[in-house]
């Protein structure tokens, strides 16, 4: 069984503790299905890791980049750590398969 770093556990716990805020932010920005990917999802996050979040954007919600940056800013401020937010269409092909393979629903 693969060992999970303390940093991974801490960052995941921070997201879970802010579940209500996460749901509120997602709703306000017309996004859904938040999933973590990257080092936190794999369990190998370090002290310098951020949280990578993959979301689905509703097509009628307006400018995608503004919405993604708004989600990232609000969650980063609430969690006290950088949060990067992307939608599936924005992922580069090679990265996207890895991100989708790593993705863990919240």
C-alpha atoms as a PDB file:
ATOM      1  CA  UNK A   1       0.000   0.000   0.000  1.00  0.00           C
ATOM      2  CA  UNK A   2       1.321   3.430  -0.979  1.00  0.00           C
ATOM      3  CA  UNK A   3       2.216   5.842   1.811  1.00  0.00           C
ATOM      4  CA  UNK A   4       0.424   9.203   1.881  1.00  0.00           C
ATOM      5  CA  UNK A   5       2.433  12.253   2.930  1.00  0.00           C
ATOM      6  CA  UNK A   6       1.321  14.341   5.896  1.00  0.00           C
ATOM      7  CA  UNK A   7       1.016  17.342   3.573  1.00  0.00           C
ATOM      8  CA  UNK A   8      -1.421  15.451   1.334  1.00  0.00           C
ATOM      9  CA  UNK A   9      -3.548  14.535   4.341  1.00  0.00           C
ATOM     10  CA  UNK A  10      -3.471  18.103   5.662  1.00  0.00           C
ATOM     11  CA  UNK A  11      -4.510  19.655   2.339  1.00  0.00           C
ATOM     12  CA  UNK A  12      -7.299  17.120   1.816  1.00  0.00           C
ATOM     13  CA  UNK A  13      -8.557  17.688   5.364  1.00  0.00           C
ATOM     14  CA  UNK A  14      -8.581  21.454   4.758  1.00  0.00           C
ATOM     15  CA  UNK A  15     -10.809  20.948   1.712  1.00  0.00           C
ATOM     16  CA  UNK A  16     -13.159  18.641   3.589  1.00  0.00           C
ATOM     17  CA  UNK A  17     -13.392  21.128   6.477  1.00  0.00           C
ATOM     18  CA  UNK A  18     -14.456  23.818   3.983  1.00  0.00           C
ATOM     19  CA  UNK A  19     -16.987  21.601   2.181  1.00  0.00           C
ATOM     20  CA  UNK A  20     -19.874  24.053   2.671  1.00  0.00           C
ATOM     21  CA  UNK A  21     -17.777  26.923   1.324  1.00  0.00           C
ATOM     22  CA  UNK A  22     -16.656  24.788  -1.619  1.00  0.00           C
ATOM     23  CA  UNK A  23     -20.264  23.983  -2.503  1.00  0.00           C
ATOM     24  CA  UNK A  24     -21.245  27.662  -2.206  1.00  0.00           C
ATOM     25  CA  UNK A  25     -18.351  28.860  -4.386  1.00  0.00           C
ATOM     26  CA  UNK A  26     -19.038  26.189  -6.994  1.00  0.00           C
ATOM     27  CA  UNK A  27     -22.706  27.155  -7.134  1.00  0.00           C
ATOM     28  CA  UNK A  28     -22.024  30.891  -7.442  1.00  0.00           C
ATOM     29  CA  UNK A  29     -19.574  30.360 -10.300  1.00  0.00           C
ATOM     30  CA  UNK A  30     -21.854  27.863 -12.098  1.00  0.00           C
ATOM     31  CA  UNK A  31     -19.402  24.979 -11.671  1.00  0.00           C
ATOM     32  CA  UNK A  32     -19.868  21.407 -10.482  1.00  0.00           C
ATOM     33  CA  UNK A  33     -18.156  18.070  -9.882  1.00  0.00           C
ATOM     34  CA  UNK A  34     -15.010  19.300  -8.062  1.00  0.00           C
ATOM     35  CA  UNK A  35     -12.167  16.775  -8.113  1.00  0.00           C
ATOM     36  CA  UNK A  36      -8.658  17.030  -6.775  1.00  0.00           C
ATOM     37  CA  UNK A  37      -5.807  15.828  -8.939  1.00  0.00           C
ATOM     38  CA  UNK A  38      -2.051  16.050  -8.919  1.00  0.00           C
ATOM     39  CA  UNK A  39       0.154  15.545  -5.870  1.00  0.00           C
ATOM     40  CA  UNK A  40      -2.641  15.853  -3.288  1.00  0.00           C
ATOM     41  CA  UNK A  41      -4.760  13.219  -5.048  1.00  0.00           C
ATOM     42  CA  UNK A  42      -1.764  10.915  -5.519  1.00  0.00           C
ATOM     43  CA  UNK A  43      -0.779  11.362  -1.870  1.00  0.00           C
ATOM     44  CA  UNK A  44       2.711  12.699  -2.561  1.00  0.00           C
ATOM     45  CA  UNK A  45       2.215  16.412  -1.813  1.00  0.00           C
ATOM     46  CA  UNK A  46       5.068  18.312  -0.178  1.00  0.00           C
ATOM     47  CA  UNK A  47       5.262  21.527   1.834  1.00  0.00           C
ATOM     48  CA  UNK A  48       5.461  23.456  -1.453  1.00  0.00           C
ATOM     49  CA  UNK A  49       2.462  21.789  -3.092  1.00  0.00           C
ATOM     50  CA  UNK A  50      -0.719  23.532  -4.090  1.00  0.00           C
ATOM     51  CA  UNK A  51      -4.175  22.041  -4.513  1.00  0.00           C
ATOM     52  CA  UNK A  52      -5.138  21.222  -8.093  1.00  0.00           C
ATOM     53  CA  UNK A  53      -8.885  21.218  -8.639  1.00  0.00           C
ATOM     54  CA  UNK A  54     -10.681  19.977 -11.744  1.00  0.00           C
ATOM     55  CA  UNK A  55     -14.243  21.243 -12.252  1.00  0.00           C
ATOM     56  CA  UNK A  56     -17.019  21.109 -14.809  1.00  0.00           C
ATOM     57  CA  UNK A  57     -18.307  24.511 -15.919  1.00  0.00           C
ATOM     58  CA  UNK A  58     -21.919  24.985 -16.916  1.00  0.00           C
ATOM     59  CA  UNK A  59     -22.001  26.429 -20.451  1.00  0.00           C
ATOM     60  CA  UNK A  60     -24.390  29.236 -19.515  1.00  0.00           C
ATOM     61  CA  UNK A  61     -22.237  30.653 -16.717  1.00  0.00           C
ATOM     62  CA  UNK A  62     -20.241  33.296 -18.582  1.00  0.00           C
ATOM     63  CA  UNK A  63     -16.511  33.723 -19.156  1.00  0.00           C
ATOM     64  CA  UNK A  64     -14.721  30.500 -18.197  1.00  0.00           C
ATOM     65  CA  UNK A  65     -11.373  32.080 -17.297  1.00  0.00           C
ATOM     66  CA  UNK A  66     -12.981  34.639 -14.995  1.00  0.00           C
ATOM     67  CA  UNK A  67     -15.003  31.937 -13.296  1.00  0.00           C
ATOM     68  CA  UNK A  68     -12.015  29.638 -12.813  1.00  0.00           C
ATOM     69  CA  UNK A  69      -9.880  32.454 -11.422  1.00  0.00           C
ATOM     70  CA  UNK A  70     -12.704  33.497  -9.082  1.00  0.00           C
ATOM     71  CA  UNK A  71     -13.033  29.975  -7.727  1.00  0.00           C
ATOM     72  CA  UNK A  72      -9.258  29.734  -7.299  1.00  0.00           C
ATOM     73  CA  UNK A  73      -8.998  33.076  -5.501  1.00  0.00           C
ATOM     74  CA  UNK A  74     -11.846  32.404  -3.082  1.00  0.00           C
ATOM     75  CA  UNK A  75     -10.641  28.916  -2.210  1.00  0.00           C
ATOM     76  CA  UNK A  76      -6.997  30.008  -1.911  1.00  0.00           C
ATOM     77  CA  UNK A  77      -7.991  32.750   0.520  1.00  0.00           C
ATOM     78  CA  UNK A  78     -10.188  30.427   2.582  1.00  0.00           C
ATOM     79  CA  UNK A  79      -7.678  27.572   2.724  1.00  0.00           C
ATOM     80  CA  UNK A  80      -4.534  29.648   3.128  1.00  0.00           C
ATOM     81  CA  UNK A  81      -2.790  27.794   0.308  1.00  0.00           C
ATOM     82  CA  UNK A  82      -2.694  28.199  -3.446  1.00  0.00           C
ATOM     83  CA  UNK A  83      -5.483  26.465  -5.340  1.00  0.00           C
ATOM     84  CA  UNK A  84      -5.264  26.012  -9.114  1.00  0.00           C
ATOM     85  CA  UNK A  85      -8.597  25.397 -10.837  1.00  0.00           C
ATOM     86  CA  UNK A  86      -9.038  24.055 -14.361  1.00  0.00           C
ATOM     87  CA  UNK A  87     -11.826  22.586 -16.439  1.00  0.00           C
ATOM     88  CA  UNK A  88     -11.386  19.455 -18.544  1.00  0.00           C
ATOM     89  CA  UNK A  89     -11.349  21.284 -21.924  1.00  0.00           C
ATOM     90  CA  UNK A  90      -8.479  23.476 -20.700  1.00  0.00           C
ATOM     91  CA  UNK A  91      -6.133  20.592 -19.911  1.00  0.00           C
ATOM     92  CA  UNK A  92      -3.398  19.753 -22.375  1.00  0.00           C
ATOM     93  CA  UNK A  93      -3.792  16.274 -23.846  1.00  0.00           C
ATOM     94  CA  UNK A  94      -0.879  14.559 -22.074  1.00  0.00           C
ATOM     95  CA  UNK A  95      -1.599  16.271 -18.777  1.00  0.00           C
ATOM     96  CA  UNK A  96      -5.339  15.713 -19.081  1.00  0.00           C
ATOM     97  CA  UNK A  97      -5.163  11.929 -19.026  1.00  0.00           C
ATOM     98  CA  UNK A  98      -2.892  11.987 -15.977  1.00  0.00           C
ATOM     99  CA  UNK A  99      -5.192  14.488 -14.260  1.00  0.00           C
ATOM    100  CA  UNK A 100      -8.257  12.419 -15.054  1.00  0.00           C
ATOM    101  CA  UNK A 101      -6.526   9.257 -13.837  1.00  0.00           C
ATOM    102  CA  UNK A 102      -5.527  10.990 -10.564  1.00  0.00           C
ATOM    103  CA  UNK A 103      -8.863  12.763 -10.030  1.00  0.00           C
ATOM    104  CA  UNK A 104     -10.633  12.115  -6.723  1.00  0.00           C
ATOM    105  CA  UNK A 105     -14.193  13.390  -6.259  1.00  0.00           C
ATOM    106  CA  UNK A 106     -14.797  15.694  -3.302  1.00  0.00           C
END
